[in-house]
Amino acid sequence: MNILITRHDKIGDFITMLPVCKVLKEQTKHKIVVLVSKVNLPLAKNLPFIDDVIEYSDDEVTLLKRLAPFKFDISISGYIEFKLGLCLFLARIPKRIAPATKIAQIFFNNKVKQRRSKVEKTEYQYNLDLVKKFDDSLNLEFKRPLLDIKNIKSNSEEFIIFHPGFGGSSDGNLKLKDYISLAKKALEFTNVVFTFGPDDKEIKKEVQL
């Protein structure tokens, strides 16, 4: 069975979908393919619990051509919008799972009602709830760590990673000064690493100062 996991927005958003990929890979024998934005291609291609990667395209014809060879049985989408929903529908994926949100939900035949704005769970836990719609017998626990970070030079095996950039969709996101303040406090106990995406150049400059 070929399963498509879609999360075609920012780096942090894609990270919250990784537990879905890992749970499915660890507990099933299915092929796990992810549809991601260009910025997430290098990361996705280097994860052992992901079998293949498709780059998202805003052009519907191009995207359909990229999806067609896999003949997907199921898609699970953590974030949906009209163009994505339409392409998954036109790709004739039999079972299309997504949150029951936005007008794009009309293209999905298996929907999960969620109130993510209430923040009753973490984002990755909301994403894992979608797995239950696929197979409610699966255990939502997964082996940690998700990421095996080998290239960070550190005198300690333990460190905290801060990713201060975000796409602007979260009004409740911490301000940069809050991240810096937390980092300074964390340095009293362990090492601290900041990570940045290609859209975070200005933030990176401020942190380096």
C-alpha atoms as a PDB file:
ATOM      1  CA  MET A   1       0.000   0.000   0.000  1.00  0.00           C
ATOM      2  CA  ASN A   2       1.282   3.481  -0.889  1.00  0.00           C
ATOM      3  CA  ILE A   3       0.486   6.232   1.606  1.00  0.00           C
ATOM      4  CA  LEU A   4       0.933   9.924   0.804  1.00  0.00           C
ATOM      5  CA  ILE A   5       1.571  12.295   3.710  1.00  0.00           C
ATOM      6  CA  THR A   6       1.162  15.950   2.748  1.00  0.00           C
ATOM      7  CA  ARG A   7       2.468  19.010   4.529  1.00  0.00           C
ATOM      8  CA  HIS A   8       3.585  21.571   1.968  1.00  0.00           C
ATOM      9  CA  ASP A   9       4.139  24.672   4.099  1.00  0.00           C
ATOM     10  CA  LYS A  10       6.975  25.763   6.415  1.00  0.00           C
ATOM     11  CA  ILE A  11       9.769  23.783   8.072  1.00  0.00           C
ATOM     12  CA  GLY A  12       8.259  23.856  11.554  1.00  0.00           C
ATOM     13  CA  ASP A  13       4.889  22.716  10.199  1.00  0.00           C
ATOM     14  CA  PHE A  14       6.491  19.806   8.367  1.00  0.00           C
ATOM     15  CA  ILE A  15       8.316  18.749  11.545  1.00  0.00           C
ATOM     16  CA  THR A  16       4.947  18.363  13.313  1.00  0.00           C
ATOM     17  CA  MET A  17       3.933  15.815  10.638  1.00  0.00           C
ATOM     18  CA  LEU A  18       6.981  13.596  11.136  1.00  0.00           C
ATOM     19  CA  PRO A  19       5.431  11.573  14.006  1.00  0.00           C
ATOM     20  CA  VAL A  20       2.684  10.543  11.570  1.00  0.00           C
ATOM     21  CA  CYS A  21       5.301   9.249   9.143  1.00  0.00           C
ATOM     22  CA  LYS A  22       7.223   7.442  11.851  1.00  0.00           C
ATOM     23  CA  VAL A  23       4.190   5.775  13.441  1.00  0.00           C
ATOM     24  CA  LEU A  24       3.056   4.484  10.069  1.00  0.00           C
ATOM     25  CA  LYS A  25       6.535   3.292   9.078  1.00  0.00           C
ATOM     26  CA  GLU A  26       7.243   1.577  12.397  1.00  0.00           C
ATOM     27  CA  GLN A  27       3.898  -0.198  12.663  1.00  0.00           C
ATOM     28  CA  THR A  28       3.008  -1.015   9.062  1.00  0.00           C
ATOM     29  CA  LYS A  29       4.780  -2.327   5.980  1.00  0.00           C
ATOM     30  CA  HIS A  30       3.361   0.382   3.755  1.00  0.00           C
ATOM     31  CA  LYS A  31       5.392   2.729   1.557  1.00  0.00           C
ATOM     32  CA  ILE A  32       5.485   6.226   3.073  1.00  0.00           C
ATOM     33  CA  VAL A  33       5.783   9.122   0.618  1.00  0.00           C
ATOM     34  CA  VAL A  34       5.673  12.788   1.613  1.00  0.00           C
ATOM     35  CA  LEU A  35       4.589  15.809  -0.404  1.00  0.00           C
ATOM     36  CA  VAL A  36       6.557  18.840   0.780  1.00  0.00           C
ATOM     37  CA  SER A  37       7.577  22.327  -0.235  1.00  0.00           C
ATOM     38  CA  LYS A  38      10.995  22.858  -1.822  1.00  0.00           C
ATOM     39  CA  VAL A  39      12.509  24.119   1.420  1.00  0.00           C
ATOM     40  CA  ASN A  40      11.830  20.774   3.109  1.00  0.00           C
ATOM     41  CA  LEU A  41      13.200  18.495   0.384  1.00  0.00           C
ATOM     42  CA  PRO A  42      16.727  17.994   1.857  1.00  0.00           C
ATOM     43  CA  LEU A  43      15.346  17.152   5.300  1.00  0.00           C
ATOM     44  CA  ALA A  44      12.647  14.793   4.020  1.00  0.00           C
ATOM     45  CA  LYS A  45      15.089  12.905   1.784  1.00  0.00           C
ATOM     46  CA  ASN A  46      17.356  12.108   4.715  1.00  0.00           C
ATOM     47  CA  LEU A  47      14.824  10.601   7.099  1.00  0.00           C
ATOM     48  CA  PRO A  48      14.912   6.787   7.368  1.00  0.00           C
ATOM     49  CA  PHE A  49      11.171   6.462   8.005  1.00  0.00           C
ATOM     50  CA  ILE A  50      10.277   8.214   4.724  1.00  0.00           C
ATOM     51  CA  ASP A  51      10.574   6.123   1.557  1.00  0.00           C
ATOM     52  CA  ASP A  52      10.120   8.769  -1.121  1.00  0.00           C
ATOM     53  CA  VAL A  53       9.618  12.524  -1.486  1.00  0.00           C
ATOM     54  CA  ILE A  54       7.564  14.621  -3.918  1.00  0.00           C
ATOM     55  CA  GLU A  55       8.109  18.354  -4.292  1.00  0.00           C
ATOM     56  CA  TYR A  56       4.882  20.360  -4.177  1.00  0.00           C
ATOM     57  CA  SER A  57       4.065  22.530  -7.187  1.00  0.00           C
ATOM     58  CA  ASP A  58       1.570  25.385  -7.468  1.00  0.00           C
ATOM     59  CA  ASP A  59       0.884  24.221 -11.017  1.00  0.00           C
ATOM     60  CA  GLU A  60      -1.899  21.622 -10.909  1.00  0.00           C
ATOM     61  CA  VAL A  61      -0.781  19.796 -14.068  1.00  0.00           C
ATOM     62  CA  THR A  62       2.789  19.458 -12.801  1.00  0.00           C
ATOM     63  CA  LEU A  63       1.641  18.258  -9.389  1.00  0.00           C
ATOM     64  CA  LEU A  64      -0.695  15.673 -10.880  1.00  0.00           C
ATOM     65  CA  LYS A  65       2.136  14.350 -13.048  1.00  0.00           C
ATOM     66  CA  ARG A  66       4.307  13.956  -9.961  1.00  0.00           C
ATOM     67  CA  LEU A  67       1.576  12.138  -8.037  1.00  0.00           C
ATOM     68  CA  ALA A  68       0.389   9.812 -10.813  1.00  0.00           C
ATOM     69  CA  PRO A  69       3.238   7.219 -10.882  1.00  0.00           C
ATOM     70  CA  PHE A  70       2.718   6.241  -7.238  1.00  0.00           C
ATOM     71  CA  LYS A  71      -0.952   5.222  -7.553  1.00  0.00           C
ATOM     72  CA  PHE A  72      -1.608   6.166  -3.937  1.00  0.00           C
ATOM     73  CA  ASP A  73      -4.149   4.220  -1.892  1.00  0.00           C
ATOM     74  CA  ILE A  74      -4.437   6.803   0.891  1.00  0.00           C
ATOM     75  CA  SER A  75      -3.479  10.401   1.568  1.00  0.00           C
ATOM     76  CA  ILE A  76      -3.191  12.021   4.992  1.00  0.00           C
ATOM     77  CA  SER A  77      -2.993  15.825   5.026  1.00  0.00           C
ATOM     78  CA  GLY A  78      -2.114  17.908   8.066  1.00  0.00           C
ATOM     79  CA  TYR A  79      -2.777  21.188   6.271  1.00  0.00           C
ATOM     80  CA  ILE A  80      -5.186  21.661   3.380  1.00  0.00           C
ATOM     81  CA  GLU A  81      -6.085  24.327   0.878  1.00  0.00           C
ATOM     82  CA  PHE A  82      -8.160  24.328  -2.298  1.00  0.00           C
ATOM     83  CA  LYS A  83      -5.433  23.536  -4.837  1.00  0.00           C
ATOM     84  CA  LEU A  84      -4.025  20.617  -2.870  1.00  0.00           C
ATOM     85  CA  GLY A  85      -7.489  19.167  -2.233  1.00  0.00           C
ATOM     86  CA  LEU A  86      -8.415  19.412  -5.897  1.00  0.00           C
ATOM     87  CA  CYS A  87      -5.214  17.675  -7.025  1.00  0.00           C
ATOM     88  CA  LEU A  88      -5.600  14.814  -4.552  1.00  0.00           C
ATOM     89  CA  PHE A  89      -9.193  14.379  -5.755  1.00  0.00           C
ATOM     90  CA  LEU A  90      -8.152  14.445  -9.421  1.00  0.00           C
ATOM     91  CA  ALA A  91      -5.362  11.976  -8.659  1.00  0.00           C
ATOM     92  CA  ARG A  92      -8.153   9.557  -7.693  1.00  0.00           C
ATOM     93  CA  ILE A  93      -6.700   8.642  -4.327  1.00  0.00           C
ATOM     94  CA  PRO A  94      -9.463   6.405  -2.885  1.00  0.00           C
ATOM     95  CA  LYS A  95      -9.147   7.475   0.763  1.00  0.00           C
ATOM     96  CA  ARG A  96      -8.269  11.100   1.489  1.00  0.00           C
ATOM     97  CA  ILE A  97      -7.915  12.038   5.173  1.00  0.00           C
ATOM     98  CA  ALA A  98      -7.731  15.622   6.452  1.00  0.00           C
ATOM     99  CA  PRO A  99      -8.972  17.961   9.195  1.00  0.00           C
ATOM    100  CA  ALA A 100     -12.543  19.160   8.638  1.00  0.00           C
ATOM    101  CA  THR A 101     -11.517  22.754   8.027  1.00  0.00           C
ATOM    102  CA  LYS A 102     -11.777  25.371   5.273  1.00  0.00           C
ATOM    103  CA  ILE A 103     -13.722  24.988   2.036  1.00  0.00           C
ATOM    104  CA  ALA A 104     -11.026  22.581   0.789  1.00  0.00           C
ATOM    105  CA  GLN A 105     -12.514  19.855   2.970  1.00  0.00           C
ATOM    106  CA  ILE A 106     -15.051  19.167   0.189  1.00  0.00           C
ATOM    107  CA  PHE A 107     -12.301  17.244  -1.651  1.00  0.00           C
ATOM    108  CA  PHE A 108     -11.689  14.842   1.245  1.00  0.00           C
ATOM    109  CA  ASN A 109     -13.865  11.811   1.993  1.00  0.00           C
ATOM    110  CA  ASN A 110     -12.489  11.067   5.466  1.00  0.00           C
ATOM    111  CA  LYS A 111     -12.513  14.118   7.730  1.00  0.00           C
ATOM    112  CA  VAL A 112     -11.639  14.652  11.384  1.00  0.00           C
ATOM    113  CA  LYS A 113     -13.281  17.468  13.331  1.00  0.00           C
ATOM    114  CA  GLN A 114     -10.603  19.380  15.198  1.00  0.00           C
ATOM    115  CA  ARG A 115     -10.516  22.690  17.022  1.00  0.00           C
ATOM    116  CA  ARG A 116      -6.816  23.438  16.792  1.00  0.00           C
ATOM    117  CA  SER A 117      -7.358  27.083  17.755  1.00  0.00           C
ATOM    118  CA  LYS A 118      -8.233  25.904  21.274  1.00  0.00           C
ATOM    119  CA  VAL A 119      -4.690  24.482  21.609  1.00  0.00           C
ATOM    120  CA  GLU A 120      -5.885  21.544  23.698  1.00  0.00           C
ATOM    121  CA  LYS A 121      -3.089  19.429  22.216  1.00  0.00           C
ATOM    122  CA  THR A 122       0.219  20.049  20.530  1.00  0.00           C
ATOM    123  CA  GLU A 123       0.192  20.340  16.744  1.00  0.00           C
ATOM    124  CA  TYR A 124       1.833  16.948  16.257  1.00  0.00           C
ATOM    125  CA  GLN A 125      -0.831  15.309  18.448  1.00  0.00           C
ATOM    126  CA  TYR A 126      -3.588  16.799  16.294  1.00  0.00           C
ATOM    127  CA  ASN A 127      -1.781  15.356  13.271  1.00  0.00           C
ATOM    128  CA  LEU A 128      -1.542  11.924  14.910  1.00  0.00           C
ATOM    129  CA  ASP A 129      -5.320  11.957  15.398  1.00  0.00           C
ATOM    130  CA  LEU A 130      -5.568  11.744  11.610  1.00  0.00           C
ATOM    131  CA  VAL A 131      -3.769   8.388  11.744  1.00  0.00           C
ATOM    132  CA  LYS A 132      -6.654   6.964  13.787  1.00  0.00           C
ATOM    133  CA  LYS A 133      -8.950   7.721  10.868  1.00  0.00           C
ATOM    134  CA  PHE A 134      -6.730   5.445   8.779  1.00  0.00           C
ATOM    135  CA  ASP A 135      -6.380   2.645  11.340  1.00  0.00           C
ATOM    136  CA  ASP A 136      -7.643   3.057  14.905  1.00  0.00           C
ATOM    137  CA  SER A 137      -5.717  -0.031  16.043  1.00  0.00           C
ATOM    138  CA  LEU A 138      -2.356   1.710  15.643  1.00  0.00           C
ATOM    139  CA  ASN A 139      -0.461   2.892  18.713  1.00  0.00           C
ATOM    140  CA  LEU A 140       0.278   6.610  18.448  1.00  0.00           C
ATOM    141  CA  GLU A 141       3.517   6.289  20.410  1.00  0.00           C
ATOM    142  CA  PHE A 142       6.747   6.394  18.411  1.00  0.00           C
ATOM    143  CA  LYS A 143      10.431   5.830  19.025  1.00  0.00           C
ATOM    144  CA  ARG A 144      12.426   8.929  19.844  1.00  0.00           C
ATOM    145  CA  PRO A 145      14.378  10.870  18.760  1.00  0.00           C
ATOM    146  CA  LEU A 146      12.687  11.833  15.527  1.00  0.00           C
ATOM    147  CA  LEU A 147      15.816  13.491  14.178  1.00  0.00           C
ATOM    148  CA  ASP A 148      19.348  12.160  14.499  1.00  0.00           C
ATOM    149  CA  ILE A 149      21.425  15.330  14.470  1.00  0.00           C
ATOM    150  CA  LYS A 150      25.047  14.362  13.864  1.00  0.00           C
ATOM    151  CA  ASN A 151      26.669  17.541  12.584  1.00  0.00           C
ATOM    152  CA  ILE A 152      26.218  19.818  15.596  1.00  0.00           C
ATOM    153  CA  LYS A 153      29.491  20.474  17.390  1.00  0.00           C
ATOM    154  CA  SER A 154      28.760  20.246  21.082  1.00  0.00           C
ATOM    155  CA  ASN A 155      30.685  19.301  24.227  1.00  0.00           C
ATOM    156  CA  SER A 156      27.519  17.716  25.566  1.00  0.00           C
ATOM    157  CA  GLU A 157      25.224  15.023  24.228  1.00  0.00           C
ATOM    158  CA  GLU A 158      22.278  17.124  25.345  1.00  0.00           C
ATOM    159  CA  PHE A 159      21.168  20.442  23.893  1.00  0.00           C
ATOM    160  CA  ILE A 160      18.042  22.473  23.240  1.00  0.00           C
ATOM    161  CA  ILE A 161      17.115  23.633  19.743  1.00  0.00           C
ATOM    162  CA  PHE A 162      15.203  26.872  19.180  1.00  0.00           C
ATOM    163  CA  HIS A 163      13.580  27.618  15.824  1.00  0.00           C
ATOM    164  CA  PRO A 164      12.354  31.234  16.151  1.00  0.00           C
ATOM    165  CA  GLY A 165      11.112  31.699  12.577  1.00  0.00           C
ATOM    166  CA  PHE A 166       7.465  31.192  11.640  1.00  0.00           C
ATOM    167  CA  GLY A 167       5.188  31.852   8.679  1.00  0.00           C
ATOM    168  CA  GLY A 168       3.056  34.479  10.352  1.00  0.00           C
ATOM    169  CA  SER A 169       0.040  32.252  10.976  1.00  0.00           C
ATOM    170  CA  SER A 170       0.494  32.077  14.726  1.00  0.00           C
ATOM    171  CA  ASP A 171      -0.497  35.209  16.628  1.00  0.00           C
ATOM    172  CA  GLY A 172       0.537  33.521  19.856  1.00  0.00           C
ATOM    173  CA  ASN A 173       4.083  32.803  18.717  1.00  0.00           C
ATOM    174  CA  LEU A 174       6.880  33.940  20.996  1.00  0.00           C
ATOM    175  CA  LYS A 175       8.710  37.126  20.071  1.00  0.00           C
ATOM    176  CA  LEU A 176      12.376  36.916  19.148  1.00  0.00           C
ATOM    177  CA  LYS A 177      13.362  38.604  22.420  1.00  0.00           C
ATOM    178  CA  ASP A 178      11.491  35.841  24.275  1.00  0.00           C
ATOM    179  CA  TYR A 179      13.445  33.144  22.431  1.00  0.00           C
ATOM    180  CA  ILE A 180      16.713  34.887  23.275  1.00  0.00           C
ATOM    181  CA  SER A 181      15.701  35.220  26.912  1.00  0.00           C
ATOM    182  CA  LEU A 182      14.797  31.533  27.102  1.00  0.00           C
ATOM    183  CA  ALA A 183      18.037  30.581  25.395  1.00  0.00           C
ATOM    184  CA  LYS A 184      20.112  32.549  27.915  1.00  0.00           C
ATOM    185  CA  LYS A 185      18.315  30.786  30.767  1.00  0.00           C
ATOM    186  CA  ALA A 186      18.743  27.391  29.121  1.00  0.00           C
ATOM    187  CA  LEU A 187      22.481  28.010  28.715  1.00  0.00           C
ATOM    188  CA  GLU A 188      22.756  27.775  32.499  1.00  0.00           C
ATOM    189  CA  PHE A 189      21.906  24.078  32.216  1.00  0.00           C
ATOM    190  CA  THR A 190      22.820  22.837  28.728  1.00  0.00           C
ATOM    191  CA  ASN A 191      23.932  23.828  25.236  1.00  0.00           C
ATOM    192  CA  VAL A 192      21.655  25.834  22.950  1.00  0.00           C
ATOM    193  CA  VAL A 193      21.360  25.730  19.157  1.00  0.00           C
ATOM    194  CA  PHE A 194      19.310  28.076  16.963  1.00  0.00           C
ATOM    195  CA  THR A 195      18.012  26.864  13.593  1.00  0.00           C
ATOM    196  CA  PHE A 196      16.800  29.001  10.692  1.00  0.00           C
ATOM    197  CA  GLY A 197      15.019  28.510   7.390  1.00  0.00           C
ATOM    198  CA  PRO A 198      15.782  30.347   4.131  1.00  0.00           C
ATOM    199  CA  ASP A 199      13.132  32.972   4.971  1.00  0.00           C
ATOM    200  CA  ASP A 200      14.668  33.729   8.369  1.00  0.00           C
ATOM    201  CA  LYS A 201      17.746  35.725   7.311  1.00  0.00           C
ATOM    202  CA  GLU A 202      16.806  38.877   9.220  1.00  0.00           C
ATOM    203  CA  ILE A 203      15.994  36.929  12.376  1.00  0.00           C
ATOM    204  CA  LYS A 204      19.316  35.101  12.078  1.00  0.00           C
ATOM    205  CA  LYS A 205      21.182  38.419  11.911  1.00  0.00           C
ATOM    206  CA  GLU A 206      19.473  39.645  15.082  1.00  0.00           C
ATOM    207  CA  VAL A 207      20.309  36.466  16.978  1.00  0.00           C
ATOM    208  CA  GLN A 208      23.940  36.620  15.842  1.00  0.00           C
ATOM    209  CA  LEU A 209      24.219  40.125  17.249  1.00  0.00           C
END
